[in-house]
Amino acid sequence: MDATDLRILRALQEDPEGSVEAIGRAAGISHTPCWRRIRQMQEAGVLKGRRYVIDEKAVGLTVTVITMVKLSKHDQKSLDAFESEAARLHEIVECYLVTGQYDFALTIVTRDMESFEMMLKTKLSNLPHVADMNSTVVLRKAKTGGRLPI
């Protein structure tokens, strides 16, 4: 990746729906070389598709919870089993393997606290090798979807 690729990436973060011509202008190159570079970055896995950001509250998802999970076992098979099952739960929108006191940090989005409680009792607590959990309800999202510092 060179300086031009980084300018393209910055422009895409700023305006993901911008035309190739507009992205190229922002990066200091014309349409065709910009299009080629974007395609190359897609093929290399640098750019991973496009997606729309949906406002959770607008679709009735009013509660976000950060849940820290400690597993009873820490071998690769146990970690993989937890990750695989966590990935199947639609309420879990992010799952991070972390260092420290806990093994995983989960971001969970639900309709309301009652839905979170039900999810906690019937799904989350039944994931493989769960030994301990600590949940924190998000009061307000101060920053989300930040741009990468490139």
C-alpha atoms as a PDB file:
ATOM      1  CA  MET A   1       0.000   0.000   0.000  1.00  0.00           C
ATOM      2  CA  ASP A   2       1.274   3.404  -0.890  1.00  0.00           C
ATOM      3  CA  ALA A   3       0.260   6.981  -0.074  1.00  0.00           C
ATOM      4  CA  THR A   4      -2.357   7.010  -2.864  1.00  0.00           C
ATOM      5  CA  ASP A   5      -4.017   3.864  -1.511  1.00  0.00           C
ATOM      6  CA  LEU A   6      -4.164   5.465   1.942  1.00  0.00           C
ATOM      7  CA  ARG A   7      -5.756   8.604   0.475  1.00  0.00           C
ATOM      8  CA  ILE A   8      -8.355   6.390  -1.238  1.00  0.00           C
ATOM      9  CA  LEU A   9      -9.075   4.597   2.045  1.00  0.00           C
ATOM     10  CA  ARG A  10      -9.453   7.900   3.901  1.00  0.00           C
ATOM     11  CA  ALA A  11     -11.825   9.164   1.215  1.00  0.00           C
ATOM     12  CA  LEU A  12     -13.872   5.947   1.391  1.00  0.00           C
ATOM     13  CA  GLN A  13     -14.145   6.248   5.180  1.00  0.00           C
ATOM     14  CA  GLU A  14     -15.280   9.857   4.784  1.00  0.00           C
ATOM     15  CA  ASP A  15     -17.857   9.099   2.071  1.00  0.00           C
ATOM     16  CA  PRO A  16     -18.437   5.353   1.530  1.00  0.00           C
ATOM     17  CA  GLU A  17     -21.119   6.049  -1.059  1.00  0.00           C
ATOM     18  CA  GLY A  18     -19.047   8.538  -3.034  1.00  0.00           C
ATOM     19  CA  SER A  19     -18.552   7.891  -6.715  1.00  0.00           C
ATOM     20  CA  VAL A  20     -15.256   6.472  -7.902  1.00  0.00           C
ATOM     21  CA  GLU A  21     -14.693   9.812  -9.611  1.00  0.00           C
ATOM     22  CA  ALA A  22     -15.168  11.721  -6.320  1.00  0.00           C
ATOM     23  CA  ILE A  23     -12.966   9.266  -4.398  1.00  0.00           C
ATOM     24  CA  GLY A  24     -10.307   9.583  -7.102  1.00  0.00           C
ATOM     25  CA  ARG A  25     -10.458  13.381  -6.929  1.00  0.00           C
ATOM     26  CA  ALA A  26      -9.981  13.242  -3.162  1.00  0.00           C
ATOM     27  CA  ALA A  27      -7.022  10.890  -3.638  1.00  0.00           C
ATOM     28  CA  GLY A  28      -5.499  12.980  -6.432  1.00  0.00           C
ATOM     29  CA  ILE A  29      -5.978  10.470  -9.254  1.00  0.00           C
ATOM     30  CA  SER A  30      -8.425   9.969 -12.121  1.00  0.00           C
ATOM     31  CA  HIS A  31     -11.403   7.609 -12.261  1.00  0.00           C
ATOM     32  CA  THR A  32      -9.801   4.581 -13.964  1.00  0.00           C
ATOM     33  CA  PRO A  33      -6.685   4.205 -11.781  1.00  0.00           C
ATOM     34  CA  CYS A  34      -8.840   4.813  -8.699  1.00  0.00           C
ATOM     35  CA  TRP A  35     -11.260   2.091  -9.749  1.00  0.00           C
ATOM     36  CA  ARG A  36      -8.323  -0.317 -10.345  1.00  0.00           C
ATOM     37  CA  ARG A  37      -6.839   0.399  -6.925  1.00  0.00           C
ATOM     38  CA  ILE A  38     -10.196  -0.077  -5.191  1.00  0.00           C
ATOM     39  CA  ARG A  39     -10.637  -3.432  -6.979  1.00  0.00           C
ATOM     40  CA  GLN A  40      -7.099  -4.484  -5.985  1.00  0.00           C
ATOM     41  CA  MET A  41      -7.800  -3.583  -2.350  1.00  0.00           C
ATOM     42  CA  GLN A  42     -11.052  -5.568  -2.489  1.00  0.00           C
ATOM     43  CA  GLU A  43      -9.254  -8.604  -3.911  1.00  0.00           C
ATOM     44  CA  ALA A  44      -6.500  -8.283  -1.282  1.00  0.00           C
ATOM     45  CA  GLY A  45      -9.106  -8.193   1.502  1.00  0.00           C
ATOM     46  CA  VAL A  46      -8.300  -4.632   2.581  1.00  0.00           C
ATOM     47  CA  LEU A  47     -11.839  -3.544   1.672  1.00  0.00           C
ATOM     48  CA  LYS A  48     -14.498  -5.930   2.940  1.00  0.00           C
ATOM     49  CA  GLY A  49     -17.725  -4.974   1.230  1.00  0.00           C
ATOM     50  CA  ARG A  50     -20.136  -2.180   2.058  1.00  0.00           C
ATOM     51  CA  ARG A  51     -22.806  -1.992   4.689  1.00  0.00           C
ATOM     52  CA  TYR A  52     -25.363   0.449   5.937  1.00  0.00           C
ATOM     53  CA  VAL A  53     -25.391   1.560   9.555  1.00  0.00           C
ATOM     54  CA  ILE A  54     -28.836   0.980  11.018  1.00  0.00           C
ATOM     55  CA  ASP A  55     -30.017   3.083  13.927  1.00  0.00           C
ATOM     56  CA  GLU A  56     -30.811   0.511  16.630  1.00  0.00           C
ATOM     57  CA  LYS A  57     -33.497   2.602  18.301  1.00  0.00           C
ATOM     58  CA  ALA A  58     -35.258   3.217  14.973  1.00  0.00           C
ATOM     59  CA  VAL A  59     -35.783  -0.545  14.632  1.00  0.00           C
ATOM     60  CA  GLY A  60     -36.781  -1.108  18.259  1.00  0.00           C
ATOM     61  CA  LEU A  61     -33.441  -2.217  19.710  1.00  0.00           C
ATOM     62  CA  THR A  62     -33.133   0.089  22.710  1.00  0.00           C
ATOM     63  CA  VAL A  63     -30.701  -1.763  25.008  1.00  0.00           C
ATOM     64  CA  THR A  64     -26.973  -2.281  24.436  1.00  0.00           C
ATOM     65  CA  VAL A  65     -25.010  -4.322  26.960  1.00  0.00           C
ATOM     66  CA  ILE A  66     -21.293  -5.015  27.216  1.00  0.00           C
ATOM     67  CA  THR A  67     -20.821  -8.459  28.743  1.00  0.00           C
ATOM     68  CA  MET A  68     -17.476  -9.796  29.882  1.00  0.00           C
ATOM     69  CA  VAL A  69     -17.240 -13.602  29.906  1.00  0.00           C
ATOM     70  CA  LYS A  70     -14.755 -15.828  31.709  1.00  0.00           C
ATOM     71  CA  LEU A  71     -14.467 -19.428  30.551  1.00  0.00           C
ATOM     72  CA  SER A  72     -13.869 -22.457  32.755  1.00  0.00           C
ATOM     73  CA  LYS A  73     -11.329 -23.857  30.284  1.00  0.00           C
ATOM     74  CA  HIS A  74      -8.770 -22.016  28.166  1.00  0.00           C
ATOM     75  CA  ASP A  75      -7.585 -24.565  25.639  1.00  0.00           C
ATOM     76  CA  GLN A  76      -8.020 -23.859  21.931  1.00  0.00           C
ATOM     77  CA  LYS A  77     -10.945 -26.253  21.585  1.00  0.00           C
ATOM     78  CA  SER A  78     -12.876 -24.490  24.383  1.00  0.00           C
ATOM     79  CA  LEU A  79     -12.152 -21.012  23.001  1.00  0.00           C
ATOM     80  CA  ASP A  80     -13.223 -22.103  19.519  1.00  0.00           C
ATOM     81  CA  ALA A  81     -16.398 -23.737  20.850  1.00  0.00           C
ATOM     82  CA  PHE A  82     -17.413 -20.569  22.691  1.00  0.00           C
ATOM     83  CA  GLU A  83     -16.674 -18.329  19.692  1.00  0.00           C
ATOM     84  CA  SER A  84     -18.587 -20.579  17.322  1.00  0.00           C
ATOM     85  CA  GLU A  85     -21.702 -20.686  19.503  1.00  0.00           C
ATOM     86  CA  ALA A  86     -21.541 -16.958  20.323  1.00  0.00           C
ATOM     87  CA  ALA A  87     -21.422 -16.195  16.586  1.00  0.00           C
ATOM     88  CA  ARG A  88     -24.789 -17.964  16.184  1.00  0.00           C
ATOM     89  CA  LEU A  89     -26.593 -15.619  18.576  1.00  0.00           C
ATOM     90  CA  HIS A  90     -28.028 -12.675  16.661  1.00  0.00           C
ATOM     91  CA  GLU A  91     -28.141 -10.490  19.766  1.00  0.00           C
ATOM     92  CA  ILE A  92     -24.338 -10.628  20.006  1.00  0.00           C
ATOM     93  CA  VAL A  93     -23.170  -8.064  17.462  1.00  0.00           C
ATOM     94  CA  GLU A  94     -19.490  -8.099  18.480  1.00  0.00           C
ATOM     95  CA  CYS A  95     -17.351 -10.749  20.159  1.00  0.00           C
ATOM     96  CA  TYR A  96     -13.743 -10.072  21.135  1.00  0.00           C
ATOM     97  CA  LEU A  97     -11.165 -12.439  22.601  1.00  0.00           C
ATOM     98  CA  VAL A  98      -9.456 -10.260  25.225  1.00  0.00           C
ATOM     99  CA  THR A  99      -6.685 -10.322  27.794  1.00  0.00           C
ATOM    100  CA  GLY A 100      -7.088  -9.727  31.501  1.00  0.00           C
ATOM    101  CA  GLN A 101      -9.556 -11.045  34.046  1.00  0.00           C
ATOM    102  CA  TYR A 102     -12.094 -12.122  31.401  1.00  0.00           C
ATOM    103  CA  ASP A 103     -11.680 -14.056  28.162  1.00  0.00           C
ATOM    104  CA  PHE A 104     -14.305 -12.448  25.916  1.00  0.00           C
ATOM    105  CA  ALA A 105     -15.997  -9.080  25.596  1.00  0.00           C
ATOM    106  CA  LEU A 106     -19.413  -9.159  23.937  1.00  0.00           C
ATOM    107  CA  THR A 107     -21.576  -6.345  22.644  1.00  0.00           C
ATOM    108  CA  ILE A 108     -25.209  -7.380  22.902  1.00  0.00           C
ATOM    109  CA  VAL A 109     -28.188  -5.486  21.453  1.00  0.00           C
ATOM    110  CA  THR A 110     -31.779  -6.269  22.458  1.00  0.00           C
ATOM    111  CA  ARG A 111     -35.258  -4.721  22.423  1.00  0.00           C
ATOM    112  CA  ASP A 112     -35.417  -4.053  26.165  1.00  0.00           C
ATOM    113  CA  MET A 113     -34.089  -5.210  29.551  1.00  0.00           C
ATOM    114  CA  GLU A 114     -36.622  -8.027  29.683  1.00  0.00           C
ATOM    115  CA  SER A 115     -35.283  -9.354  26.363  1.00  0.00           C
ATOM    116  CA  PHE A 116     -31.724  -9.088  27.642  1.00  0.00           C
ATOM    117  CA  GLU A 117     -32.640 -10.961  30.826  1.00  0.00           C
ATOM    118  CA  MET A 118     -34.263 -13.744  28.784  1.00  0.00           C
ATOM    119  CA  MET A 119     -31.269 -13.919  26.453  1.00  0.00           C
ATOM    120  CA  LEU A 120     -28.905 -14.040  29.455  1.00  0.00           C
ATOM    121  CA  LYS A 121     -30.836 -16.857  31.149  1.00  0.00           C
ATOM    122  CA  THR A 122     -31.668 -19.006  28.126  1.00  0.00           C
ATOM    123  CA  LYS A 123     -28.797 -18.437  25.699  1.00  0.00           C
ATOM    124  CA  LEU A 124     -25.743 -16.661  27.057  1.00  0.00           C
ATOM    125  CA  SER A 125     -25.383 -18.668  30.266  1.00  0.00           C
ATOM    126  CA  ASN A 126     -25.654 -21.872  28.206  1.00  0.00           C
ATOM    127  CA  LEU A 127     -22.742 -21.112  25.889  1.00  0.00           C
ATOM    128  CA  PRO A 128     -19.887 -23.644  26.150  1.00  0.00           C
ATOM    129  CA  HIS A 129     -17.534 -23.353  29.147  1.00  0.00           C
ATOM    130  CA  VAL A 130     -19.016 -20.153  30.624  1.00  0.00           C
ATOM    131  CA  ALA A 131     -17.777 -19.820  34.226  1.00  0.00           C
ATOM    132  CA  ASP A 132     -18.492 -16.156  35.001  1.00  0.00           C
ATOM    133  CA  MET A 133     -20.105 -13.128  33.392  1.00  0.00           C
ATOM    134  CA  ASN A 134     -20.259  -9.436  34.191  1.00  0.00           C
ATOM    135  CA  SER A 135     -22.628  -7.185  32.261  1.00  0.00           C
ATOM    136  CA  THR A 136     -22.714  -3.413  31.959  1.00  0.00           C
ATOM    137  CA  VAL A 137     -25.690  -1.633  30.412  1.00  0.00           C
ATOM    138  CA  VAL A 138     -24.745   1.160  28.018  1.00  0.00           C
ATOM    139  CA  LEU A 139     -26.518   4.403  28.930  1.00  0.00           C
ATOM    140  CA  ARG A 140     -25.458   6.324  25.817  1.00  0.00           C
ATOM    141  CA  LYS A 141     -23.131   5.665  22.914  1.00  0.00           C
ATOM    142  CA  ALA A 142     -20.653   8.526  22.997  1.00  0.00           C
ATOM    143  CA  LYS A 143     -18.757   7.384  19.872  1.00  0.00           C
ATOM    144  CA  THR A 144     -19.265   4.534  17.450  1.00  0.00           C
ATOM    145  CA  GLY A 145     -18.027   3.629  13.987  1.00  0.00           C
ATOM    146  CA  GLY A 146     -14.878   5.689  14.262  1.00  0.00           C
ATOM    147  CA  ARG A 147     -12.623   5.976  11.256  1.00  0.00           C
ATOM    148  CA  LEU A 148      -9.372   4.064  11.256  1.00  0.00           C
ATOM    149  CA  PRO A 149      -6.325   6.262  11.953  1.00  0.00           C
ATOM    150  CA  ILE A 150      -4.689   5.825   8.540  1.00  0.00           C
END
